[in-house]
């Protein structure tokens, strides 16, 4: 009989020998020890991507896997002892370890469990997160012994080593020739900051896969069009060795890639303003270097620049030169399409009178609102779900429009875990600036000019084509591929 229980264990010995099985087939258990409890915390969410994540609610296959790897039967008579060693986590963060076999045990801290039913077991450990208000740290785990046979009267040691993903808990910025990163604890207050990481070579647009790997574009016409380096390289301030470098075929001119973003299935979408095309590289083609042939193209937007997906999977594209936002519905994103976009928006605000804004970057919040930056007009605006609805060519007045007292509002903006919105800025004769509008400021309605609540000045951000901001992980609930859990 399979026994299932969640154990929030403390260091010490926990007895699992007291088991009472009723006629209904349900099992009850008693854990002894002053600090032990059944139920409680741990991470059960998060997509099964990267690391060693597991779904505690999934059907159990652990015992079978253990028996197969051991090459024979593993008797389920009697009981033994499990010593679970967990390292690498701050004291306030619980592990999420699943030991599956004749019993299913979910353990959150190092412990010694006695009276565990003998038999074949498999061990997995899910990724966990801290609770940083700006951007969380992601911890992935390595399990030394994944499959084992616990014999009657025997003992088995399980070692689980957690480590932080280096690209997490950082604000990432891309310029024409550098990727820079600032730790979360360095950007909570206004001030001048030095970047913790400066990677020369790739730059401009930056996004992440679910393992924290960094994806961007080459910095010059001689560089690969798309490049990737793993999360392990994300704390190195130098030129890093790329794990993937790809070139787009049949490009019209350079640079062939302006912006890039993943869809929900892990396909990579790219804008090519010179070629008047938005292309898709299938997820299965992203693991190797070489020339990339798109498996989908959209040519219904002239000079596409930035792009993002909304909560319904629709693709939105800006054209800064045309001063337009375009929506291509999700149902059209599977092939080669030259028809016009489903929606073409011209955006105005009460502050700009009859002037149409020139969107230079945009992002969606958890409620589905589109927040955009207007290049040169120095306006931050919000479009509601109603503004985003409909088809054809429309002119809308943004529900919210803020004037920001800077020379230029640049970049694709990014939301943090607390709901603050980060934007890139530039003033004449100064280092580059990154600012954070707090949730309270975003709720104020139209107005300005006013400063962001937090303003970070950094030599690494000096005006040189800063074009994107990104956090890993992105906050849960956003329509981003690296939104976790």
Protein backbone atom coordinates (compact mmCIF):
# COMPACT_ATOMS: atom_id res chain seq x y z
CA UNK A 1 0.00 0.00 0.00
CA UNK A 2 1.27 3.45 -0.90
CA UNK A 3 1.48 5.84 2.03
CA UNK A 4 1.56 9.59 1.43
CA UNK A 5 2.34 12.32 3.92
CA UNK A 6 4.00 15.72 3.98
CA UNK A 7 6.74 16.03 6.60
CA UNK A 8 8.10 19.37 7.70
CA UNK A 9 10.95 17.82 9.62
CA UNK A 10 13.51 19.30 11.99
CA UNK A 11 17.00 18.01 12.59
CA UNK A 12 16.68 14.92 14.72
CA UNK A 13 14.95 11.54 14.48
CA UNK A 14 11.32 11.26 13.38
CA UNK A 15 9.55 7.95 13.92
CA UNK A 16 7.15 6.81 11.19
CA UNK A 17 6.41 3.47 12.79
CA UNK A 18 2.98 4.38 14.14
CA UNK A 19 0.77 3.67 11.12
CA UNK A 20 -2.95 2.94 11.31
CA UNK A 21 -4.78 1.77 8.18
CA UNK A 22 -8.58 1.81 8.25
CA UNK A 23 -11.00 -0.22 6.13
CA UNK A 24 -11.26 2.64 3.62
CA UNK A 25 -7.64 2.14 2.65
CA UNK A 26 -6.57 5.61 3.87
CA UNK A 27 -3.45 5.80 6.01
CA UNK A 28 -2.81 7.98 9.02
CA UNK A 29 0.61 8.65 10.47
CA UNK A 30 2.13 10.14 13.58
CA UNK A 31 5.47 11.95 13.54
CA UNK A 32 7.18 12.15 16.91
CA UNK A 33 9.72 14.72 18.01
CA UNK A 34 9.41 18.10 19.72
CA UNK A 35 9.80 20.16 16.55
CA UNK A 36 8.09 17.95 13.98
CA UNK A 37 4.86 18.70 12.15
CA UNK A 38 2.77 17.28 9.34
CA UNK A 39 1.67 19.79 6.67
CA UNK A 40 3.11 23.24 6.11
CA UNK A 41 5.26 25.03 3.57
CA UNK A 42 7.35 24.23 0.59
CA UNK A 43 6.95 24.88 -3.09
CA UNK A 44 4.43 22.87 -5.07
CA UNK A 45 4.00 25.32 -7.93
CA UNK A 46 6.22 26.21 -10.81
CA UNK A 47 6.48 24.68 -14.22
CA UNK A 48 8.61 21.54 -14.59
CA UNK A 49 11.40 23.35 -16.40
CA UNK A 50 15.10 23.22 -15.66
CA UNK A 51 16.63 22.07 -12.41
CA UNK A 52 15.12 19.03 -10.77
CA UNK A 53 11.59 20.32 -10.24
CA UNK A 54 8.81 17.84 -9.55
CA UNK A 55 5.06 17.98 -9.11
CA UNK A 56 4.05 16.45 -5.76
CA UNK A 57 0.54 15.85 -7.10
CA UNK A 58 1.72 13.82 -10.11
CA UNK A 59 1.27 10.01 -10.20
CA UNK A 60 4.09 8.21 -8.51
CA UNK A 61 6.62 6.31 -10.58
CA UNK A 62 9.47 6.50 -8.12
CA UNK A 63 9.49 2.94 -6.83
CA UNK A 64 9.44 1.46 -10.30
CA UNK A 65 12.34 3.65 -11.38
CA UNK A 66 14.32 2.60 -8.34
CA UNK A 67 13.73 -1.09 -8.95
CA UNK A 68 14.67 -0.83 -12.61
CA UNK A 69 17.92 0.93 -11.83
CA UNK A 70 18.76 -1.59 -9.14
CA UNK A 71 18.12 -4.47 -11.50
CA UNK A 72 15.95 -6.57 -9.19
CA UNK A 73 13.28 -6.78 -6.55
CA UNK A 74 13.44 -4.63 -3.43
CA UNK A 75 11.45 -6.22 -0.59
CA UNK A 76 8.88 -4.07 1.15
CA UNK A 77 8.99 -5.89 4.48
CA UNK A 78 10.18 -4.14 7.61
CA UNK A 79 11.50 -0.63 7.88
CA UNK A 80 14.73 1.35 7.80
CA UNK A 81 16.20 4.80 8.32
CA UNK A 82 16.69 7.80 6.00
CA UNK A 83 19.27 10.50 6.75
CA UNK A 84 18.47 13.59 4.67
CA UNK A 85 21.17 16.24 4.34
CA UNK A 86 20.16 19.57 2.74
CA UNK A 87 22.70 22.30 2.04
CA UNK A 88 22.90 25.62 0.22
CA UNK A 89 19.72 27.35 1.39
CA UNK A 90 19.41 30.38 3.69
CA UNK A 91 17.92 29.48 7.04
CA UNK A 92 14.54 31.06 6.26
CA UNK A 93 13.96 29.08 3.03
CA UNK A 94 12.53 25.58 3.11
CA UNK A 95 13.61 22.87 0.72
CA UNK A 96 11.12 20.92 -1.37
CA UNK A 97 12.28 17.30 -1.45
CA UNK A 98 10.07 14.42 -2.57
CA UNK A 99 10.99 10.84 -1.66
CA UNK A 100 8.67 8.50 -3.56
CA UNK A 101 8.23 4.76 -3.11
CA UNK A 102 6.19 2.60 -0.73
CA UNK A 103 5.74 5.87 1.14
CA UNK A 104 5.68 9.35 -0.35
CA UNK A 105 7.58 11.72 1.90
CA UNK A 106 7.82 15.47 1.34
CA UNK A 107 10.65 16.95 3.40
CA UNK A 108 11.60 20.62 3.80
CA UNK A 109 14.65 20.55 6.10
CA UNK A 110 17.50 18.17 6.87
CA UNK A 111 16.44 15.34 9.16
CA UNK A 112 16.75 11.67 10.07
CA UNK A 113 13.57 9.64 9.53
CA UNK A 114 13.19 6.30 11.27
CA UNK A 115 10.58 3.63 10.73
CA UNK A 116 10.39 4.23 6.98
CA UNK A 117 8.79 1.34 5.09
CA UNK A 118 11.44 -0.70 3.24
CA UNK A 119 11.40 -0.77 -0.56
CA UNK A 120 12.56 1.01 -3.69
CA UNK A 121 12.59 4.84 -3.64
CA UNK A 122 13.34 7.75 -5.96
CA UNK A 123 14.29 11.26 -4.84
CA UNK A 124 13.61 14.58 -6.55
CA UNK A 125 14.03 18.14 -5.29
CA UNK A 126 12.05 21.08 -6.70
CA UNK A 127 13.45 24.56 -7.14
CA UNK A 128 12.61 27.05 -4.42
CA UNK A 129 12.63 30.85 -4.09
CA UNK A 130 13.26 33.49 -1.49
CA UNK A 131 10.80 36.33 -0.84
CA UNK A 132 12.70 39.38 -2.12
CA UNK A 133 10.36 42.32 -2.77
CA UNK A 134 12.08 43.37 -6.01
CA UNK A 135 13.38 40.18 -7.62
CA UNK A 136 13.67 36.74 -6.09
CA UNK A 137 16.63 34.39 -5.92
CA UNK A 138 15.98 31.00 -7.52
CA UNK A 139 17.60 27.93 -5.98
CA UNK A 140 17.96 24.70 -7.96
CA UNK A 141 18.96 21.39 -6.38
CA UNK A 142 21.29 18.49 -7.11
CA UNK A 143 20.43 15.11 -5.58
CA UNK A 144 23.41 12.76 -5.18
CA UNK A 145 21.41 9.51 -4.84
CA UNK A 146 18.23 9.54 -6.90
CA UNK A 147 17.27 5.85 -6.70
CA UNK A 148 17.92 3.38 -3.90
CA UNK A 149 16.61 0.30 -2.16
CA UNK A 150 15.96 0.72 1.55
CA UNK A 151 16.27 -2.68 3.18
CA UNK A 152 14.80 -3.74 6.51
CA UNK A 153 17.04 -2.52 9.30
CA UNK A 154 19.16 -0.54 6.82
CA UNK A 155 20.04 3.14 6.49
CA UNK A 156 20.31 5.40 3.46
CA UNK A 157 21.82 8.89 3.28
CA UNK A 158 20.25 11.36 0.83
CA UNK A 159 22.22 14.52 0.06
CA UNK A 160 20.46 17.46 -1.57
CA UNK A 161 22.65 20.44 -2.50
CA UNK A 162 20.85 23.66 -3.43
CA UNK A 163 22.57 26.54 -5.24
CA UNK A 164 21.34 29.94 -6.39
CA UNK A 165 20.94 30.45 -10.14
CA UNK A 166 23.50 33.21 -10.84
CA UNK A 167 21.23 35.18 -13.19
CA UNK A 168 18.47 35.47 -10.58
CA UNK A 169 17.99 38.29 -8.05
CA UNK A 170 19.35 40.83 -10.53
CA UNK A 171 18.08 43.65 -12.70
CA UNK A 172 19.52 43.13 -16.19
CA UNK A 173 20.01 45.91 -18.72
CA UNK A 174 21.06 45.73 -22.34
CA UNK A 175 22.89 48.38 -24.34
CA UNK A 176 24.33 48.15 -27.85
CA UNK A 177 27.48 46.41 -26.64
CA UNK A 178 27.08 45.37 -22.99
CA UNK A 179 24.80 43.40 -20.71
CA UNK A 180 24.89 44.72 -17.16
CA UNK A 181 23.34 43.36 -13.99
CA UNK A 182 22.58 44.95 -10.63
CA UNK A 183 21.79 42.83 -7.54
CA UNK A 184 18.37 43.27 -6.00
CA UNK A 185 19.74 44.71 -2.76
CA UNK A 186 21.62 47.44 -4.70
CA UNK A 187 18.55 48.94 -6.38
CA UNK A 188 16.11 49.36 -3.52
CA UNK A 189 17.05 53.03 -2.96
CA UNK A 190 18.05 56.00 -5.11
CA UNK A 191 21.79 56.38 -5.69
CA UNK A 192 24.76 55.78 -7.93
CA UNK A 193 25.62 52.11 -8.42
CA UNK A 194 28.32 50.09 -10.10
CA UNK A 195 27.13 47.07 -12.03
CA UNK A 196 27.92 43.73 -10.43
CA UNK A 197 28.20 42.09 -13.85
CA UNK A 198 29.25 43.65 -17.17
CA UNK A 199 29.41 41.26 -20.10
CA UNK A 200 30.96 42.76 -23.21
CA UNK A 201 29.92 41.76 -26.69
CA UNK A 202 26.23 40.81 -26.77
CA UNK A 203 23.64 43.37 -25.86
CA UNK A 204 20.55 45.48 -26.45
CA UNK A 205 17.56 43.16 -26.05
CA UNK A 206 17.73 40.63 -23.23
CA UNK A 207 15.39 37.86 -22.13
CA UNK A 208 15.62 34.52 -20.31
CA UNK A 209 14.65 30.90 -20.62
CA UNK A 210 13.22 29.10 -17.59
CA UNK A 211 16.63 27.85 -16.49
CA UNK A 212 17.89 31.44 -16.19
CA UNK A 213 19.92 31.22 -19.38
CA UNK A 214 20.42 34.61 -21.03
CA UNK A 215 19.32 35.27 -24.61
CA UNK A 216 20.24 38.40 -26.52
CA UNK A 217 21.47 39.54 -29.91
CA UNK A 218 24.90 40.25 -31.28
CA UNK A 219 26.28 43.73 -30.79
CA UNK A 220 27.66 44.36 -34.29
CA UNK A 221 27.04 43.23 -37.89
CA UNK A 222 29.89 40.74 -37.55
CA UNK A 223 28.35 39.07 -34.47
CA UNK A 224 25.83 36.22 -34.49
CA UNK A 225 22.24 37.41 -34.73
CA UNK A 226 21.10 35.55 -31.63
CA UNK A 227 23.29 34.39 -28.77
CA UNK A 228 22.80 32.45 -25.57
CA UNK A 229 24.95 31.85 -22.54
CA UNK A 230 23.97 29.68 -19.58
CA UNK A 231 23.00 30.96 -16.18
CA UNK A 232 26.32 29.75 -14.75
CA UNK A 233 28.08 32.45 -16.79
CA UNK A 234 25.81 35.21 -15.53
CA UNK A 235 28.14 36.31 -12.75
CA UNK A 236 31.21 36.78 -14.94
CA UNK A 237 32.25 40.30 -15.95
CA UNK A 238 34.02 39.65 -19.22
CA UNK A 239 33.37 38.13 -22.59
CA UNK A 240 31.66 34.83 -21.89
CA UNK A 241 31.81 31.68 -23.95
CA UNK A 242 28.52 31.39 -25.80
CA UNK A 243 26.72 28.08 -25.66
CA UNK A 244 24.54 28.88 -28.68
CA UNK A 245 25.10 31.37 -31.49
CA UNK A 246 22.79 31.56 -34.45
CA UNK A 247 22.52 33.42 -37.72
CA UNK A 248 19.24 34.21 -39.46
CA UNK A 249 19.07 33.24 -43.11
CA UNK A 250 18.18 35.63 -45.95
CA UNK A 251 18.39 38.87 -43.99
CA UNK A 252 18.03 42.18 -45.81
CA UNK A 253 20.60 44.17 -43.86
CA UNK A 254 22.23 44.44 -40.47
CA UNK A 255 21.39 44.50 -37.65
CA UNK A 256 18.98 41.72 -38.56
CA UNK A 257 17.53 41.42 -35.05
CA UNK A 258 16.21 44.30 -32.97
CA UNK A 259 14.21 42.62 -30.21
CA UNK A 260 13.42 39.08 -29.11
CA UNK A 261 10.88 37.35 -26.87
CA UNK A 262 9.76 33.80 -26.06
CA UNK A 263 6.18 32.66 -26.48
CA UNK A 264 4.51 30.35 -23.95
CA UNK A 265 5.83 27.22 -25.72
CA UNK A 266 9.46 28.37 -25.70
CA UNK A 267 9.68 29.40 -29.35
CA UNK A 268 11.82 32.50 -29.90
CA UNK A 269 10.34 35.45 -31.82
CA UNK A 270 12.52 38.15 -33.38
CA UNK A 271 11.88 41.52 -34.99
CA UNK A 272 13.80 42.61 -38.07
CA UNK A 273 12.91 46.25 -38.83
CA UNK A 274 15.17 46.38 -41.87
CA UNK A 275 13.45 43.37 -43.42
CA UNK A 276 9.95 44.37 -42.28
CA UNK A 277 9.46 40.94 -40.74
CA UNK A 278 8.76 39.20 -37.43
CA UNK A 279 10.11 35.65 -37.39
CA UNK A 280 9.82 32.58 -35.15
CA UNK A 281 12.55 30.06 -34.38
CA UNK A 282 11.11 26.80 -33.08
CA UNK A 283 12.07 25.79 -29.54
CA UNK A 284 13.66 22.60 -30.85
CA UNK A 285 16.10 24.61 -32.97
CA UNK A 286 17.50 26.63 -30.07
CA UNK A 287 19.78 24.00 -28.56
CA UNK A 288 22.48 24.19 -31.22
CA UNK A 289 24.44 26.86 -33.07
CA UNK A 290 24.27 27.54 -36.78
CA UNK A 291 22.01 29.12 -39.37
CA UNK A 292 18.39 29.30 -38.26
CA UNK A 293 15.47 28.91 -40.62
CA UNK A 294 12.24 30.44 -39.30
CA UNK A 295 9.23 28.15 -39.08
CA UNK A 296 6.83 31.11 -38.99
CA UNK A 297 6.93 34.66 -40.34
CA UNK A 298 4.72 37.70 -40.11
CA UNK A 299 5.25 40.50 -42.64
CA UNK A 300 2.16 42.61 -42.03
CA UNK A 301 3.97 45.31 -40.01
CA UNK A 302 6.48 47.75 -41.46
CA UNK A 303 9.66 48.39 -39.49
CA UNK A 304 8.76 46.29 -36.40
CA UNK A 305 10.82 47.10 -33.32
CA UNK A 306 9.78 45.74 -29.91
CA UNK A 307 7.45 42.82 -29.26
CA UNK A 308 5.65 41.07 -26.38
CA UNK A 309 2.90 38.53 -25.79
CA UNK A 310 -0.28 39.24 -23.82
CA UNK A 311 -2.13 36.87 -21.50
CA UNK A 312 -4.14 35.39 -24.39
CA UNK A 313 -1.01 34.57 -26.41
CA UNK A 314 -1.56 37.39 -28.91
CA UNK A 315 1.61 38.94 -30.29
CA UNK A 316 2.00 42.72 -29.94
CA UNK A 317 4.54 44.62 -32.01
CA UNK A 318 5.52 48.28 -31.96
CA UNK A 319 6.76 50.33 -34.86
CA UNK A 320 8.46 53.40 -33.42
CA UNK A 321 8.90 55.04 -36.81
CA UNK A 322 5.21 54.52 -37.72
CA UNK A 323 4.08 55.53 -34.18
CA UNK A 324 1.84 52.48 -33.95
CA UNK A 325 1.14 49.39 -31.85
CA UNK A 326 -0.03 46.24 -33.63
CA UNK A 327 -1.78 43.10 -32.36
CA UNK A 328 -1.53 39.80 -34.22
CA UNK A 329 -3.97 37.29 -32.78
CA UNK A 330 -2.68 33.98 -31.44
CA UNK A 331 -4.60 31.91 -34.00
CA UNK A 332 -2.50 33.44 -36.79
CA UNK A 333 0.93 32.73 -35.36
CA UNK A 334 1.60 29.29 -36.82
CA UNK A 335 2.75 29.95 -40.37
CA UNK A 336 3.78 32.49 -43.00
CA UNK A 337 1.40 35.47 -42.93
CA UNK A 338 1.53 38.68 -44.94
CA UNK A 339 -1.92 40.04 -44.05
CA UNK A 340 -2.29 43.21 -41.95
CA UNK A 341 -2.33 42.95 -38.16
CA UNK A 342 -5.68 42.31 -36.50
CA UNK A 343 -5.46 45.63 -34.63
CA UNK A 344 -3.49 48.80 -35.38
CA UNK A 345 -3.46 51.35 -32.56
CA UNK A 346 -2.50 55.01 -32.57
CA UNK A 347 -2.11 56.16 -28.96
CA UNK A 348 -2.67 59.66 -27.61
CA UNK A 349 -2.95 61.13 -24.12
CA UNK A 350 -4.60 64.22 -22.72
CA UNK A 351 -1.11 65.56 -22.01
CA UNK A 352 0.00 65.32 -25.63
CA UNK A 353 -3.17 66.79 -27.20
CA UNK A 354 -3.40 65.70 -30.84
CA UNK A 355 0.12 64.28 -31.00
CA UNK A 356 0.36 60.52 -31.57
CA UNK A 357 2.89 58.82 -29.29
CA UNK A 358 5.87 56.86 -30.61
CA UNK A 359 5.99 53.63 -28.54
CA UNK A 360 9.55 52.52 -27.89
CA UNK A 361 8.83 49.61 -25.55
CA UNK A 362 5.99 48.08 -23.60
CA UNK A 363 5.09 45.38 -21.07
CA UNK A 364 1.93 43.78 -19.73
CA UNK A 365 1.03 43.74 -16.03
CA UNK A 366 -0.69 40.89 -14.18
CA UNK A 367 -4.15 42.38 -14.86
CA UNK A 368 -3.50 42.55 -18.60
CA UNK A 369 -2.93 46.30 -18.91
CA UNK A 370 -0.32 47.37 -21.46
CA UNK A 371 2.23 49.86 -20.14
CA UNK A 372 4.20 51.64 -22.83
CA UNK A 373 6.99 54.19 -23.14
CA UNK A 374 6.90 56.85 -25.79
CA UNK A 375 10.25 57.57 -27.34
CA UNK A 376 11.29 61.24 -27.18
CA UNK A 377 7.92 62.45 -25.84
CA UNK A 378 8.98 61.16 -22.41
CA UNK A 379 5.54 59.74 -21.69
CA UNK A 380 4.64 56.57 -19.80
CA UNK A 381 1.13 55.40 -20.74
CA UNK A 382 -1.32 52.62 -19.90
CA UNK A 383 -3.83 50.88 -22.17
CA UNK A 384 -6.67 48.96 -20.53
CA UNK A 385 -8.13 45.70 -21.81
CA UNK A 386 -10.89 47.73 -23.47
CA UNK A 387 -8.28 49.85 -25.26
CA UNK A 388 -6.66 46.67 -26.57
CA UNK A 389 -9.90 45.18 -27.90
CA UNK A 390 -11.38 45.31 -31.38
CA UNK A 391 -9.94 45.07 -34.86
CA UNK A 392 -8.86 47.36 -37.64
CA UNK A 393 -7.17 50.75 -37.30
CA UNK A 394 -8.12 52.72 -34.20
CA UNK A 395 -7.01 55.77 -32.25
CA UNK A 396 -7.27 55.54 -28.46
CA UNK A 397 -6.61 57.94 -25.64
CA UNK A 398 -4.58 56.16 -22.99
CA UNK A 399 -6.31 55.77 -19.65
CA UNK A 400 -3.14 56.94 -17.92
CA UNK A 401 -0.39 59.16 -19.25
CA UNK A 402 2.57 60.39 -17.19
CA UNK A 403 5.11 62.94 -18.30
CA UNK A 404 8.58 62.08 -17.00
CA UNK A 405 11.17 64.90 -16.79
CA UNK A 406 13.97 63.28 -18.76
CA UNK A 407 15.37 63.78 -22.22
CA UNK A 408 14.44 60.32 -23.51
CA UNK A 409 12.45 57.35 -22.21
CA UNK A 410 14.14 54.27 -23.59
CA UNK A 411 13.98 50.51 -23.20
CA UNK A 412 11.46 47.77 -22.89
CA UNK A 413 10.19 48.26 -19.31
CA UNK A 414 9.96 45.49 -16.72
CA UNK A 415 7.76 44.81 -13.69
CA UNK A 416 9.27 43.62 -10.40
CA UNK A 417 7.80 41.23 -7.84
CA UNK A 418 6.16 44.04 -5.87
CA UNK A 419 4.39 45.47 -8.94
CA UNK A 420 6.81 48.33 -9.51
CA UNK A 421 7.65 49.27 -13.09
CA UNK A 422 11.29 49.85 -14.10
CA UNK A 423 12.19 52.02 -17.10
CA UNK A 424 15.41 53.16 -18.73
CA UNK A 425 16.07 56.86 -19.17
CA UNK A 426 18.67 59.29 -20.40
CA UNK A 427 19.53 62.87 -19.55
CA UNK A 428 21.99 65.02 -21.42
CA UNK A 429 25.61 64.80 -20.22
CA UNK A 430 25.01 62.15 -17.59
CA UNK A 431 25.37 58.51 -16.90
CA UNK A 432 22.45 56.33 -17.86
CA UNK A 433 19.49 56.13 -15.52
CA UNK A 434 17.10 53.40 -14.46
CA UNK A 435 13.98 54.40 -12.59
CA UNK A 436 11.25 52.58 -10.69
CA UNK A 437 7.65 53.76 -10.56
CA UNK A 438 6.03 52.31 -7.44
CA UNK A 439 2.59 50.67 -7.54
CA UNK A 440 1.22 53.75 -5.75
CA UNK A 441 2.61 56.02 -8.45
CA UNK A 442 1.18 53.82 -11.21
CA UNK A 443 -2.26 54.12 -9.58
CA UNK A 444 -2.24 57.92 -9.46
CA UNK A 445 -3.74 58.51 -12.90
CA UNK A 446 -2.54 60.97 -15.52
CA UNK A 447 -0.20 63.70 -14.42
CA UNK A 448 3.35 64.84 -14.13
CA UNK A 449 5.96 65.72 -14.72
CA UNK A 450 7.27 63.64 -11.86
CA UNK A 451 10.28 61.50 -11.00
CA UNK A 452 10.28 57.76 -10.43
CA UNK A 453 10.31 56.77 -6.75
CA UNK A 454 13.75 55.15 -7.16
CA UNK A 455 16.38 56.48 -9.55
CA UNK A 456 19.60 54.54 -10.16
CA UNK A 457 22.58 56.19 -11.84
CA UNK A 458 25.32 53.96 -13.23
CA UNK A 459 28.34 54.45 -15.51
CA UNK A 460 27.53 51.10 -17.11
CA UNK A 461 24.23 52.56 -18.34
CA UNK A 462 25.70 55.61 -20.07
CA UNK A 463 23.70 56.50 -23.14
CA UNK A 464 24.71 54.02 -25.79
CA UNK A 465 21.53 52.42 -27.02
CA UNK A 466 20.14 51.02 -23.75
CA UNK A 467 17.12 49.15 -25.01
CA UNK A 468 15.82 46.61 -22.50
CA UNK A 469 15.38 45.75 -18.85
CA UNK A 470 14.59 42.29 -17.49
CA UNK A 471 14.39 40.35 -14.23
CA UNK A 472 14.95 36.65 -13.69
CA UNK A 473 12.67 35.25 -12.59
CA UNK A 474 9.90 37.46 -13.91
CA UNK A 475 7.05 37.86 -11.40
CA UNK A 476 4.44 35.11 -11.28
CA UNK A 477 1.31 35.96 -13.23
CA UNK A 478 2.97 37.92 -16.04
CA UNK A 479 2.69 36.66 -19.66
CA UNK A 480 6.44 36.03 -19.88
CA UNK A 481 8.12 32.69 -20.55
CA UNK A 482 10.44 33.19 -17.55
CA UNK A 483 7.60 34.14 -15.21
CA UNK A 484 7.99 31.72 -12.26
CA UNK A 485 6.59 29.76 -10.58
